[in-house]
């Protein structure tokens, strides 16, 4: 049922005239429709903001709307001139250090965003032969376990281990409880060690968060965990950039610029 701007302003605690200007702008993005003067309804795009759908961007909207994140882009010019990470310059420490120390609520939102299942489905579909012939998959820096959840659902014979920092693993407990003993949680630090014993090790959107030296440390620790066997493999999932045709990969280059600013 259409709602007037005044009704929506009362419900949300907003200024009616300012809200009307926002709503009319949102009609251009096809998020709402003005069905009659000053009365709006949501379009089908609203489902993207629901938490119950596989393509949800609810957590992403909360994450990118947090001033903690977007304020760093105000220092983009300095980053371009110096090559120094804007976030580090503004806050005096790394993105991950700061959120863990001062923004635990944002840390939860960030992990939920990284856990969105839409980013994991293609991994399960692409490497079908490898997963079909494996027995144990270990997701290194796997966040809340969204990728493992999809893999264990699609490949009932698999066992999965989630490896991440203690505060992240603590929030992943619900996934373990829904997988009938096939899911293990191990807390640790990928810069110190990686557990051994898996057939497939996965680094999904992990390396992009770190500079080359830290990425080398992660890869070395994975290699040590894989030593002593010739059948274990490492699956690296990242957004690839095409240097010869940048215009064809808007998502990739926006992600690359984001990493430049934040990490």
Foldseek 3Di string as FASTA:
>chain_A
DWDALVVVCVVVVHDSVVVLVVVVVVVVVQQWDDPDPRTIDGDPVVVLLDPPDLNHCVLVVVLVPDCLQPVLVVCLVVCVVPVAASNCVVPVDALVVCCVVPNVVSVVSVLVNLLRLVLQPVVCVPPVVQLQPWAEEEEAQCFLCNNVLVSCVVHVRHAYEYEEAPVRLVNNVVSCVPNVNSYYYDYDHLLVADAADGQEYEHAPPLLLDDPVSSVSNVVRVVVNDPPDDRHYYHYHDDDADPVCRVVCPPRVVSNSSSSHRD
